Amino acid sequence: MQYRILGRTGVRVSELGFGGASAGNKNYLKVWDPFDEKNIQSVEDSLRRAVELGVNYFDTAPKYGSEEMYGRALKPFRDQVFVATKAWARDADGIVESVEESLGRLQMDYVDLVQFHGDWYSDELIEQILKPDGALAGLQAAQKAGLTRFVGFSAEGLTPQLYKLIHTGEFDVMQLQYNVMFQHPFDPAKQAGVLAEAEEQNMGVAVMRPFTGGTLSRWLSLVAPGLYKQVDFGKAMLSFVLSNPLVDVAIAGMRSVQRVEGNCEIVDDTSSRIDLD
C-alpha cells in the first residue's frame, strides 16, 4: 500500500480509502440490499481484508447506513485505522448529538474525523455553518470534548461559497468529487482550483467517486464496446486521481473482497501514474 500525509493533521493515510456509501445505501449504483445477511457479511469481510492489505482510511456517515458494519468489522483494529464520519445538523447541539450517536453505532470512544455532510453550498447554508451556534461550533465542541480528533467538510459541487469554508482556516480536511470526468477542482496548467486553495491552507484532501460512480464505464461500454474490452478503465481512473499530488486519499466503495484486492493492486502499481505537469 502507498501512503500520503493528510494535510495538517500529520496523519499517514493510505492512498486508497474505503467508502461506506455503497455499503449501506439500498440499490446504490446497482441492485443492492444492505439488510441482506450475505451482503452484510461481504462488506464486513471486505473491511477486514482492506485492513490486512494496508488500507487505513475508512469513510462513512449516518446517511450511508454503514456505521454499524464498520463498528463490528473495525473494532479489533481500532488503533490501526483512521475513521471518518459526518454530521448534517445545522446547529452546534445537533452536531454533537449526531457525533455521539455515530460513536454508538461505530462502537468507538472517538472518531478521527467528523465532517459537515455538505451538499451544494449556498450563502444561507454557509451562514448556518459559521454562525456562533452553528455547525462549525458543534464540530469544534465535539473536538474539544474528545469525540473527534479533526474536523472537516464534504461538498457535492463547486460553488463560490465553498471557498469561504476553505478560507476560514478552521477545517482540517475537505472531501469532494474529483475524477477523470469531473476535473474542475484542479487545473494543472494554471495551478488553480479548490484543490490548490485547500493546499494553501494545508488542508487534507479526500476524493470521492474516483471511478465516476460507474458513469464513464457504462457510457464507454455503450459507445465504444471494443475499446472498453481492451482497456482497464478502473485502473486508468484510479491512477488518474492518484497522479495528482494534492490528493491525499481516494475513497472507493468496495462491497467484496475481490474488489478490495483489485483496487489495492491498482494503487500498488505506480507505473500507471502520470505527470500532470
Protein backbone atom coordinates (compact mmCIF):
# COMPACT_ATOMS: atom_id res chain seq x y z
CA MET A 1 0.00 0.00 0.00
CA GLN A 2 1.11 3.54 -0.77
CA TYR A 3 0.62 6.31 1.81
CA ARG A 4 0.42 10.11 1.96
CA ILE A 5 0.19 12.70 4.71
CA LEU A 6 -3.33 14.04 5.27
CA GLY A 7 -2.57 17.76 5.25
CA ARG A 8 -2.01 19.48 8.55
CA THR A 9 -3.35 16.51 10.51
CA GLY A 10 0.08 14.95 10.00
CA VAL A 11 -1.56 11.52 9.82
CA ARG A 12 -0.14 8.98 7.36
CA VAL A 13 -3.11 7.60 5.43
CA SER A 14 -3.44 5.02 2.68
CA GLU A 15 -3.89 6.36 -0.84
CA LEU A 16 -6.94 4.11 -1.08
CA GLY A 17 -9.81 4.82 1.28
CA PHE A 18 -12.78 2.56 2.00
CA GLY A 19 -16.09 4.31 1.31
CA GLY A 20 -19.29 3.43 3.12
CA ALA A 21 -21.96 4.91 0.83
CA SER A 22 -22.22 1.86 -1.40
CA ALA A 23 -22.32 -0.49 1.58
CA GLY A 24 -25.35 0.84 3.42
CA ASN A 25 -27.48 2.58 0.79
CA LYS A 26 -30.13 0.46 -0.90
CA ASN A 27 -29.63 -0.07 -4.65
CA TYR A 28 -26.57 2.18 -4.74
CA LEU A 29 -25.27 2.09 -8.36
CA LYS A 30 -26.95 -1.28 -8.89
CA VAL A 31 -29.39 -3.63 -7.16
CA TRP A 32 -28.19 -3.95 -3.56
CA ASP A 33 -29.92 -4.88 -0.31
CA PRO A 34 -27.90 -3.60 2.68
CA PHE A 35 -30.08 -5.66 5.05
CA ASP A 36 -29.33 -8.99 3.39
CA GLU A 37 -27.14 -11.05 5.72
CA LYS A 38 -24.89 -12.26 2.90
CA ASN A 39 -24.34 -8.68 1.73
CA ILE A 40 -23.58 -7.50 5.26
CA GLN A 41 -21.07 -10.31 5.68
CA SER A 42 -19.48 -9.45 2.33
CA VAL A 43 -19.00 -5.82 3.37
CA GLU A 44 -17.57 -6.72 6.76
CA ASP A 45 -15.21 -9.29 5.19
CA SER A 46 -14.13 -6.56 2.76
CA LEU A 47 -13.45 -4.13 5.59
CA ARG A 48 -11.26 -6.66 7.39
CA ARG A 49 -9.42 -7.60 4.18
CA ALA A 50 -8.78 -3.92 3.49
CA VAL A 51 -7.06 -3.55 6.86
CA GLU A 52 -4.96 -6.64 6.13
CA LEU A 53 -3.79 -5.08 2.85
CA GLY A 54 -2.81 -1.78 4.46
CA VAL A 55 -5.89 0.38 3.92
CA ASN A 56 -6.27 2.58 6.98
CA TYR A 57 -8.71 5.34 5.87
CA PHE A 58 -12.38 4.42 6.37
CA ASP A 59 -15.13 6.89 5.49
CA THR A 60 -18.77 6.59 6.48
CA ALA A 61 -21.76 8.71 7.55
CA PRO A 62 -25.12 8.29 9.31
CA LYS A 63 -26.87 8.76 5.96
CA TYR A 64 -24.85 5.91 4.45
CA GLY A 65 -26.29 3.33 6.83
CA SER A 66 -22.93 1.58 7.15
CA GLU A 67 -21.67 2.77 10.55
CA GLU A 68 -22.77 -0.41 12.33
CA MET A 69 -20.96 -2.58 9.77
CA TYR A 70 -17.83 -0.50 10.29
CA GLY A 71 -18.19 -0.82 14.05
CA ARG A 72 -18.34 -4.60 14.03
CA ALA A 73 -15.60 -5.13 11.45
CA LEU A 74 -13.11 -2.49 12.60
CA LYS A 75 -13.41 -2.92 16.38
CA PRO A 76 -10.38 -5.27 16.62
CA PHE A 77 -8.29 -2.83 14.54
CA ARG A 78 -9.21 0.49 16.17
CA ASP A 79 -5.61 1.50 16.82
CA GLN A 80 -4.64 0.78 13.19
CA VAL A 81 -7.31 2.74 11.33
CA PHE A 82 -8.37 6.33 10.64
CA VAL A 83 -12.17 6.52 10.80
CA ALA A 84 -14.12 9.44 9.35
CA THR A 85 -17.85 10.04 9.69
CA LYS A 86 -20.14 13.01 9.08
CA ALA A 87 -22.90 15.10 10.65
CA TRP A 88 -25.66 17.01 8.90
CA ALA A 89 -27.22 19.18 11.63
CA ARG A 90 -27.15 22.97 11.15
CA ASP A 91 -26.75 23.83 14.84
CA ALA A 92 -24.00 23.08 17.37
CA ASP A 93 -26.08 20.90 19.69
CA GLY A 94 -27.35 18.86 16.76
CA ILE A 95 -23.82 18.22 15.51
CA VAL A 96 -22.62 16.99 18.92
CA GLU A 97 -25.69 14.78 19.30
CA SER A 98 -25.12 13.31 15.84
CA VAL A 99 -21.47 12.53 16.63
CA GLU A 100 -22.43 10.83 19.89
CA GLU A 101 -24.99 8.69 18.06
CA SER A 102 -22.40 7.77 15.40
CA LEU A 103 -19.95 6.70 18.10
CA GLY A 104 -22.58 4.34 19.49
CA ARG A 105 -23.10 2.71 16.11
CA LEU A 106 -19.37 2.58 15.45
CA GLN A 107 -18.64 1.14 18.93
CA MET A 108 -15.89 3.74 19.37
CA ASP A 109 -14.99 6.28 22.02
CA TYR A 110 -13.92 8.77 19.35
CA VAL A 111 -13.52 9.09 15.60
CA ASP A 112 -10.54 10.56 13.84
CA LEU A 113 -12.52 12.95 11.66
CA VAL A 114 -16.01 14.42 11.67
CA GLN A 115 -17.05 16.32 8.56
CA PHE A 116 -20.04 18.54 7.98
CA HIS A 117 -22.02 16.49 5.46
CA GLY A 118 -22.26 19.11 2.76
CA ASP A 119 -24.24 19.40 -0.43
CA TRP A 120 -24.22 22.36 -2.84
CA TYR A 121 -23.25 25.26 -0.60
CA SER A 122 -25.38 28.41 -0.65
CA ASP A 123 -25.00 31.69 1.23
CA GLU A 124 -27.75 30.57 3.60
CA LEU A 125 -26.03 27.27 4.37
CA ILE A 126 -22.66 28.96 4.90
CA GLU A 127 -24.31 31.33 7.38
CA GLN A 128 -25.82 28.39 9.26
CA ILE A 129 -22.44 26.68 9.44
CA LEU A 130 -20.42 29.71 10.54
CA LYS A 131 -22.82 31.45 12.92
CA PRO A 132 -21.79 31.39 16.62
CA ASP A 133 -24.00 28.40 17.48
CA GLY A 134 -23.78 26.81 14.05
CA ALA A 135 -22.40 23.58 12.66
CA LEU A 136 -18.74 24.62 12.88
CA ALA A 137 -19.17 25.47 16.56
CA GLY A 138 -20.62 21.99 17.02
CA LEU A 139 -17.70 20.33 15.27
CA GLN A 140 -15.28 22.27 17.45
CA ALA A 141 -17.25 21.38 20.58
CA ALA A 142 -17.07 17.69 19.65
CA GLN A 143 -13.35 18.06 19.10
CA LYS A 144 -12.86 19.81 22.45
CA ALA A 145 -14.82 17.03 24.17
CA GLY A 146 -12.53 14.39 22.66
CA LEU A 147 -15.21 12.91 20.41
CA THR A 148 -13.13 13.59 17.30
CA ARG A 149 -9.51 14.44 16.57
CA PHE A 150 -10.09 16.55 13.47
CA VAL A 151 -12.91 18.41 11.71
CA GLY A 152 -13.73 18.93 8.07
CA PHE A 153 -16.48 19.17 5.47
CA SER A 154 -17.63 17.39 2.32
CA ALA A 155 -19.04 19.03 -0.80
CA GLU A 156 -21.07 17.77 -3.74
CA GLY A 157 -20.30 20.60 -6.13
CA LEU A 158 -18.16 23.66 -6.69
CA THR A 159 -19.79 26.94 -5.70
CA PRO A 160 -18.24 30.29 -4.71
CA GLN A 161 -19.37 29.62 -1.15
CA LEU A 162 -17.09 26.59 -0.97
CA TYR A 163 -14.08 28.89 -1.00
CA LYS A 164 -15.45 30.67 2.08
CA LEU A 165 -15.24 27.45 4.08
CA ILE A 166 -11.69 26.80 2.92
CA HIS A 167 -10.55 30.32 3.75
CA THR A 168 -11.88 30.21 7.32
CA GLY A 169 -8.81 28.13 8.13
CA GLU A 170 -10.92 26.20 10.64
CA PHE A 171 -11.22 22.90 8.78
CA ASP A 172 -8.55 20.19 8.67
CA VAL A 173 -9.90 18.11 5.78
CA MET A 174 -12.02 18.64 2.67
CA GLN A 175 -13.82 15.83 0.83
CA LEU A 176 -15.17 16.37 -2.68
CA GLN A 177 -15.71 14.78 -6.06
CA TYR A 178 -12.72 14.69 -8.40
CA ASN A 179 -12.18 12.23 -11.24
CA VAL A 180 -11.29 11.92 -14.90
CA MET A 181 -14.72 13.25 -15.91
CA PHE A 182 -15.04 15.89 -13.18
CA GLN A 183 -11.68 17.66 -13.27
CA HIS A 184 -12.96 21.13 -12.28
CA PRO A 185 -11.45 21.10 -8.74
CA PHE A 186 -7.95 21.47 -10.17
CA ASP A 187 -6.43 22.95 -13.33
CA PRO A 188 -2.79 21.77 -13.53
CA ALA A 189 -1.95 24.30 -16.24
CA LYS A 190 -2.95 27.25 -14.08
CA GLN A 191 -2.31 25.54 -10.73
CA ALA A 192 -5.75 26.77 -9.71
CA GLY A 193 -8.98 25.46 -8.25
CA VAL A 194 -10.32 24.37 -4.88
CA LEU A 195 -7.60 21.73 -4.51
CA ALA A 196 -4.96 24.43 -4.83
CA GLU A 197 -6.85 26.65 -2.37
CA ALA A 198 -7.02 23.79 0.13
CA GLU A 199 -3.31 23.15 -0.32
CA GLU A 200 -2.58 26.77 0.61
CA GLN A 201 -4.42 26.16 3.89
CA ASN A 202 -2.52 22.88 4.35
CA MET A 203 -5.81 21.01 4.42
CA GLY A 204 -6.05 17.30 3.84
CA VAL A 205 -7.94 16.31 0.68
CA ALA A 206 -10.09 13.19 0.37
CA VAL A 207 -11.61 12.47 -3.03
CA MET A 208 -14.88 10.64 -3.57
CA ARG A 209 -16.13 8.89 -6.72
CA PRO A 210 -12.69 8.33 -8.28
CA PHE A 211 -14.38 5.77 -10.54
CA THR A 212 -17.02 8.38 -11.60
CA GLY A 213 -19.77 6.40 -9.90
CA GLY A 214 -19.68 3.97 -12.82
CA THR A 215 -20.83 6.65 -15.29
CA LEU A 216 -17.76 6.54 -17.53
CA SER A 217 -17.67 2.74 -17.66
CA ARG A 218 -21.35 2.41 -18.55
CA TRP A 219 -21.12 5.11 -21.20
CA LEU A 220 -17.99 3.68 -22.85
CA SER A 221 -19.41 0.16 -22.86
CA LEU A 222 -22.24 1.57 -24.99
CA VAL A 223 -20.41 3.92 -27.34
CA ALA A 224 -17.13 2.00 -27.69
CA PRO A 225 -17.62 -1.62 -26.64
CA GLY A 226 -14.49 -2.75 -28.47
CA LEU A 227 -12.32 -0.19 -26.71
CA TYR A 228 -13.96 -0.89 -23.38
CA LYS A 229 -12.89 -4.53 -23.57
CA GLN A 230 -9.27 -3.61 -24.29
CA VAL A 231 -8.65 -1.06 -21.53
CA ASP A 232 -8.65 -1.47 -17.75
CA PHE A 233 -10.72 1.65 -17.10
CA GLY A 234 -10.78 1.06 -13.36
CA LYS A 235 -7.00 1.23 -13.31
CA ALA A 236 -6.99 4.27 -15.59
CA MET A 237 -9.47 6.22 -13.47
CA LEU A 238 -7.94 5.49 -10.05
CA SER A 239 -4.43 6.11 -11.36
CA PHE A 240 -5.51 9.47 -12.79
CA VAL A 241 -6.84 10.65 -9.43
CA LEU A 242 -3.76 9.47 -7.55
CA SER A 243 -1.48 11.15 -10.10
CA ASN A 244 -2.49 14.45 -8.51
CA PRO A 245 -0.12 15.18 -5.60
CA LEU A 246 -2.77 17.40 -3.99
CA VAL A 247 -4.99 14.36 -3.41
CA ASP A 248 -4.24 12.55 -0.16
CA VAL A 249 -6.71 9.68 -0.36
CA ALA A 250 -9.14 8.37 -2.98
CA ILE A 251 -12.27 6.87 -1.43
CA ALA A 252 -13.84 3.92 -3.22
CA GLY A 253 -16.88 1.84 -2.41
CA MET A 254 -15.89 -1.83 -2.05
CA ARG A 255 -18.54 -4.41 -1.30
CA SER A 256 -16.46 -7.53 -1.98
CA VAL A 257 -13.06 -8.86 -1.02
CA GLN A 258 -12.29 -9.23 -4.72
CA ARG A 259 -12.89 -5.51 -5.30
CA VAL A 260 -10.70 -4.60 -2.32
CA GLU A 261 -7.85 -6.74 -3.61
CA GLY A 262 -8.22 -5.37 -7.14
CA ASN A 263 -8.14 -1.74 -6.02
CA CYS A 264 -5.17 -2.34 -3.73
CA GLU A 265 -3.33 -3.90 -6.67
CA ILE A 266 -4.02 -0.80 -8.78
CA VAL A 267 -2.70 1.51 -6.05
CA ASP A 268 0.46 -0.53 -5.66
CA ASP A 269 1.21 -0.32 -9.41
CA THR A 270 2.53 3.24 -9.56
CA SER A 271 3.79 2.73 -13.12
CA SER A 272 0.34 3.79 -14.36
CA ARG A 273 0.56 7.25 -12.76
CA ILE A 274 1.05 10.32 -14.98
CA ASP A 275 2.89 13.60 -14.51
CA LEU A 276 0.22 16.33 -14.55
CA ASP A 277 2.86 18.94 -15.44
